[in-house]
Amino acid sequence: MTVSIEALGVFLTLLYLAYEVRQNNKIAMSNGHREISKQLSEWYFLFKNPKTSSILTRGSLDFSSLTPEEKLEYDTVRHHHYHICEQIFYMGRGKLIPSNVYDAFMTGTAIFLSSKGTSDWWEDSKQITYAPEFVAEVEKFRSEATDLPDPMVSFPPFKYTLELLGETGLIKQ
């Protein structure tokens, strides 16, 4: 009889620990999602500056058309964005964010890289700045992605900036 009571005590303890682990995982996922949202909000805030918006939009169309000063700003802001994406990659691998959130961000990364300017920037930046496993995953998403929307249309800050610049003809419909 005492073996049964002891076994029941061990079983209940294990059940309680499993419940606590699940709760902690939910808290970690929530914290991770909140941190991503915060970082992305900070990144989006950069678009509030018309000069920065113009540089990012024009650079996404044709990185080589930017002046050296503009390339530096483009590079800085784009690295900020892709380091967030890299963080999302690791959170996705660690199951700290839902898989649909991970897939959406990786698809978004591929959408941004579908523009010529961002793709040119990425080719110069990817090997020296980002972890090889992140680069491999981005390249996998890029190669598997089909029918990606034009970021100049699908990313509102680009679309609005082109309107401000009077360059709506550059938006592919």
Protein backbone atom coordinates (compact mmCIF):
# COMPACT_ATOMS: atom_id res chain seq x y z
CA MET A 1 0.00 0.00 0.00
CA THR A 2 2.80 2.46 0.81
CA VAL A 3 4.34 1.83 -2.60
CA SER A 4 1.07 2.85 -4.22
CA ILE A 5 0.86 6.05 -2.18
CA GLU A 6 4.49 6.86 -2.98
CA ALA A 7 3.93 6.11 -6.68
CA LEU A 8 0.82 8.30 -6.66
CA GLY A 9 2.83 11.10 -4.99
CA VAL A 10 5.56 10.83 -7.66
CA PHE A 11 2.95 10.77 -10.42
CA LEU A 12 1.16 13.85 -9.05
CA THR A 13 4.48 15.66 -8.67
CA LEU A 14 5.39 14.87 -12.28
CA LEU A 15 1.96 16.00 -13.44
CA TYR A 16 2.36 19.28 -11.55
CA LEU A 17 5.84 19.82 -13.01
CA ALA A 18 4.55 19.17 -16.53
CA TYR A 19 1.82 21.75 -15.95
CA GLU A 20 4.38 24.30 -14.69
CA VAL A 21 6.64 23.70 -17.70
CA ARG A 22 3.69 24.30 -20.06
CA GLN A 23 2.80 27.52 -18.25
CA ASN A 24 6.41 28.71 -18.39
CA ASN A 25 6.54 27.95 -22.12
CA LYS A 26 3.39 30.01 -22.67
CA ILE A 27 4.91 32.90 -20.73
CA ALA A 28 8.15 32.66 -22.73
CA MET A 29 6.19 32.68 -26.00
CA SER A 30 4.19 35.69 -24.87
CA ASN A 31 7.33 37.56 -23.81
CA GLY A 32 9.04 36.69 -27.06
CA HIS A 33 6.12 37.91 -29.13
CA ARG A 34 5.94 41.13 -27.12
CA GLU A 35 9.69 41.75 -27.61
CA ILE A 36 9.42 41.19 -31.36
CA SER A 37 6.48 43.58 -31.55
CA LYS A 38 8.42 46.20 -29.61
CA GLN A 39 11.49 45.91 -31.83
CA LEU A 40 9.44 46.04 -35.01
CA SER A 41 7.55 49.08 -33.76
CA GLU A 42 10.88 50.81 -33.18
CA TRP A 43 12.00 49.85 -36.68
CA TYR A 44 8.74 51.06 -38.25
CA PHE A 45 9.14 54.33 -36.37
CA LEU A 46 12.24 55.02 -38.47
CA PHE A 47 9.95 55.41 -41.47
CA LYS A 48 8.40 58.46 -39.85
CA ASN A 49 11.43 60.45 -40.98
CA PRO A 50 10.77 61.37 -44.65
CA LYS A 51 14.50 61.37 -45.48
CA THR A 52 14.97 57.86 -44.09
CA SER A 53 11.81 56.65 -45.82
CA SER A 54 13.03 58.05 -49.10
CA ILE A 55 16.43 56.40 -48.75
CA LEU A 56 14.93 53.02 -47.82
CA THR A 57 12.40 53.14 -50.61
CA ARG A 58 14.82 54.30 -53.30
CA GLY A 59 17.49 51.89 -52.03
CA SER A 60 15.05 49.00 -52.17
CA LEU A 61 14.44 49.81 -55.81
CA ASP A 62 18.11 50.34 -56.69
CA PHE A 63 20.75 50.24 -53.97
CA SER A 64 23.48 51.35 -56.38
CA SER A 65 21.66 54.65 -57.05
CA LEU A 66 22.20 55.84 -53.48
CA THR A 67 25.01 58.18 -52.47
CA PRO A 68 27.63 56.77 -50.07
CA GLU A 69 25.95 58.63 -47.18
CA GLU A 70 22.55 57.22 -48.16
CA LYS A 71 24.00 53.71 -48.51
CA LEU A 72 25.29 53.97 -44.96
CA GLU A 73 21.85 54.95 -43.65
CA TYR A 74 20.14 52.27 -45.75
CA ASP A 75 22.62 49.67 -44.52
CA THR A 76 22.16 50.67 -40.88
CA VAL A 77 18.36 50.59 -40.98
CA ARG A 78 18.21 47.41 -43.07
CA HIS A 79 20.64 45.64 -40.70
CA HIS A 80 18.43 46.69 -37.79
CA HIS A 81 15.50 45.01 -39.57
CA TYR A 82 17.34 41.84 -40.53
CA HIS A 83 18.80 41.37 -37.05
CA ILE A 84 15.19 41.37 -35.83
CA CYS A 85 14.45 38.74 -38.49
CA GLU A 86 17.46 36.74 -37.34
CA GLN A 87 16.18 36.89 -33.77
CA ILE A 88 12.80 35.64 -35.01
CA PHE A 89 14.58 32.81 -36.80
CA TYR A 90 16.19 31.64 -33.55
CA MET A 91 12.95 32.07 -31.62
CA GLY A 92 11.16 29.99 -34.26
CA ARG A 93 13.78 27.27 -34.08
CA GLY A 94 13.43 27.22 -30.30
CA LYS A 95 9.63 27.03 -30.59
CA LEU A 96 9.34 30.29 -28.64
CA ILE A 97 6.93 31.76 -31.17
CA PRO A 98 4.05 30.09 -33.01
CA SER A 99 5.03 28.47 -36.31
CA ASN A 100 2.56 30.64 -38.25
CA VAL A 101 4.25 33.80 -36.89
CA TYR A 102 7.65 32.38 -37.85
CA ASP A 103 6.46 31.50 -41.37
CA ALA A 104 4.93 34.95 -41.82
CA PHE A 105 8.18 36.69 -40.85
CA MET A 106 10.32 34.48 -43.07
CA THR A 107 7.93 35.08 -45.97
CA GLY A 108 8.10 38.81 -45.23
CA THR A 109 11.88 38.59 -45.30
CA ALA A 110 11.68 36.95 -48.74
CA ILE A 111 9.23 39.65 -49.91
CA PHE A 112 11.66 42.43 -48.97
CA LEU A 113 14.49 40.58 -50.70
CA SER A 114 12.43 40.31 -53.88
CA SER A 115 13.18 43.96 -54.61
CA LYS A 116 16.32 44.44 -56.68
CA GLY A 117 17.96 46.98 -54.36
CA THR A 118 17.42 44.96 -51.18
CA SER A 119 18.56 41.80 -52.94
CA ASP A 120 21.78 43.54 -54.04
CA TRP A 121 22.32 44.82 -50.48
CA TRP A 122 21.71 41.32 -49.07
CA GLU A 123 24.28 39.73 -51.38
CA ASP A 124 26.93 42.13 -50.07
CA SER A 125 25.88 41.78 -46.41
CA LYS A 126 24.71 38.27 -45.71
CA GLN A 127 28.01 36.42 -45.28
CA ILE A 128 29.75 38.85 -42.94
CA THR A 129 26.88 39.96 -40.75
CA TYR A 130 24.51 37.06 -40.13
CA ALA A 131 24.77 33.52 -38.82
CA PRO A 132 25.19 30.91 -41.57
CA GLU A 133 22.09 28.98 -40.47
CA PHE A 134 19.96 32.14 -40.70
CA VAL A 135 21.34 32.93 -44.16
CA ALA A 136 20.63 29.35 -45.29
CA GLU A 137 17.03 29.55 -44.03
CA VAL A 138 16.45 32.91 -45.73
CA GLU A 139 17.87 31.55 -48.98
CA LYS A 140 15.64 28.48 -48.66
CA PHE A 141 12.55 30.68 -48.19
CA ARG A 142 13.63 32.83 -51.15
CA SER A 143 14.06 29.83 -53.43
CA GLU A 144 10.75 28.27 -52.41
CA ALA A 145 8.72 31.48 -52.48
CA THR A 146 6.53 31.95 -55.50
CA ASP A 147 4.28 34.80 -56.51
CA LEU A 148 5.61 37.15 -53.86
CA PRO A 149 3.91 40.53 -53.81
CA ASP A 150 5.92 43.58 -54.78
CA PRO A 151 7.19 45.15 -51.53
CA MET A 152 6.64 48.60 -53.06
CA VAL A 153 2.91 47.82 -53.00
CA SER A 154 2.58 45.37 -50.10
CA PHE A 155 4.62 47.40 -47.57
CA PRO A 156 2.64 50.59 -46.99
CA PRO A 157 5.59 52.83 -45.95
CA PHE A 158 7.23 52.19 -49.33
CA LYS A 159 4.00 52.87 -51.18
CA TYR A 160 3.36 56.09 -49.23
CA THR A 161 6.93 57.26 -49.72
CA LEU A 162 6.69 56.75 -53.48
CA GLU A 163 3.48 58.79 -53.41
CA LEU A 164 5.27 61.55 -51.45
CA LEU A 165 8.12 61.51 -53.94
CA GLY A 166 5.69 61.67 -56.85
CA GLU A 167 7.06 58.37 -58.09
CA THR A 168 3.86 56.31 -58.15
CA GLY A 169 4.82 55.15 -61.63
CA LEU A 170 7.45 52.97 -59.98
CA ILE A 171 4.73 50.98 -58.22
CA LYS A 172 3.96 47.83 -60.18
CA GLN A 173 0.24 47.18 -60.18
